Amino acid sequence: MEPSNWLVVCLGMGTVFFGLICLIAICKITSFAVRMIENQKPKTAENETISNKQEILAAVCAAIAEETGADAKNIRVLSFKKI
């Protein structure tokens, strides 16, 4: 006896949705674990000043100039923040 078409469709869709629900659960558990690990790390000073800001800006401008083919003197930096 052959299974009906509806049984095959329902079993296939059920399998796919079960797999998707398992993937969502794994992502949620992993996210929770990463947040717990991040919260255990000691907090550093967020407003730490950058001591060699001019050197970093020069390196960034040189990299941008190299990629774009422009002259480094023509690149103007409007804002520079530590992320």
Protein backbone atom coordinates (compact mmCIF):
# COMPACT_ATOMS: atom_id res chain seq x y z
CA MET A 1 0.00 0.00 0.00
CA GLU A 2 1.33 3.39 -1.01
CA PRO A 3 1.19 6.34 1.39
CA SER A 4 -1.10 9.14 0.33
CA ASN A 5 0.27 12.34 -1.14
CA TRP A 6 -1.01 14.41 1.79
CA LEU A 7 0.84 12.20 4.29
CA VAL A 8 4.11 12.69 2.40
CA VAL A 9 3.57 16.46 2.18
CA CYS A 10 2.71 16.77 5.88
CA LEU A 11 5.65 14.63 6.97
CA GLY A 12 8.03 16.62 4.76
CA MET A 13 6.78 19.99 5.97
CA GLY A 14 6.78 18.76 9.57
CA THR A 15 10.38 17.65 9.24
CA VAL A 16 11.44 21.00 7.77
CA PHE A 17 9.65 23.01 10.45
CA PHE A 18 11.05 20.80 13.21
CA GLY A 19 14.56 21.37 11.82
CA LEU A 20 14.00 25.12 11.65
CA ILE A 21 12.72 25.20 15.23
CA CYS A 22 15.82 23.27 16.32
CA LEU A 23 18.07 25.77 14.50
CA ILE A 24 16.32 28.69 16.19
CA ALA A 25 16.72 27.03 19.59
CA ILE A 26 20.43 26.42 18.96
CA CYS A 27 20.91 30.08 17.94
CA LYS A 28 19.10 31.32 21.05
CA ILE A 29 21.14 29.05 23.35
CA THR A 30 24.40 30.11 21.71
CA SER A 31 23.44 33.78 21.97
CA PHE A 32 22.61 33.36 25.64
CA ALA A 33 25.94 31.61 26.30
CA VAL A 34 27.91 34.34 24.50
CA ARG A 35 26.09 37.07 26.46
CA MET A 36 26.91 35.30 29.73
CA ILE A 37 30.58 35.03 28.77
CA GLU A 38 30.69 38.70 27.72
CA ASN A 39 29.11 39.79 31.02
CA GLN A 40 31.77 37.91 32.99
CA LYS A 41 34.62 39.81 31.37
CA PRO A 42 35.86 42.79 33.38
CA LYS A 43 34.78 46.16 32.04
CA THR A 44 37.54 48.40 30.71
CA ALA A 45 37.53 52.17 30.66
CA GLU A 46 35.15 53.08 27.83
CA ASN A 47 36.32 56.68 27.52
CA GLU A 48 39.98 55.78 27.20
CA THR A 49 41.87 58.43 25.25
CA ILE A 50 43.85 57.54 22.17
CA SER A 51 47.47 58.49 22.74
CA ASN A 52 48.73 58.32 19.15
CA LYS A 53 45.70 59.68 17.32
CA GLN A 54 47.69 61.46 14.61
CA GLU A 55 49.61 58.30 13.71
CA ILE A 56 46.39 56.28 13.47
CA LEU A 57 44.76 58.97 11.31
CA ALA A 58 47.79 59.04 9.02
CA ALA A 59 47.68 55.25 8.62
CA VAL A 60 43.94 55.29 7.90
CA CYS A 61 44.32 58.09 5.36
CA ALA A 62 47.20 56.24 3.67
CA ALA A 63 45.13 53.05 3.44
CA ILE A 64 42.15 54.92 1.97
CA ALA A 65 44.40 56.73 -0.48
CA GLU A 66 45.97 53.44 -1.56
CA GLU A 67 42.59 51.80 -2.15
CA THR A 68 40.98 54.72 -3.96
CA GLY A 69 44.06 55.84 -5.88
CA ALA A 70 43.73 59.39 -4.54
CA ASP A 71 46.41 61.52 -2.95
CA ALA A 72 46.59 61.19 0.85
CA LYS A 73 46.82 64.98 1.20
CA ASN A 74 43.39 65.41 -0.35
CA ILE A 75 41.63 63.15 2.19
CA ARG A 76 39.90 65.12 4.93
CA VAL A 77 38.89 63.33 8.16
CA LEU A 78 35.80 64.89 9.71
CA SER A 79 35.31 62.59 12.69
CA PHE A 80 37.38 59.92 14.39
CA LYS A 81 35.85 57.88 17.23
CA LYS A 82 36.96 54.73 18.99
CA ILE A 83 34.36 52.00 18.60
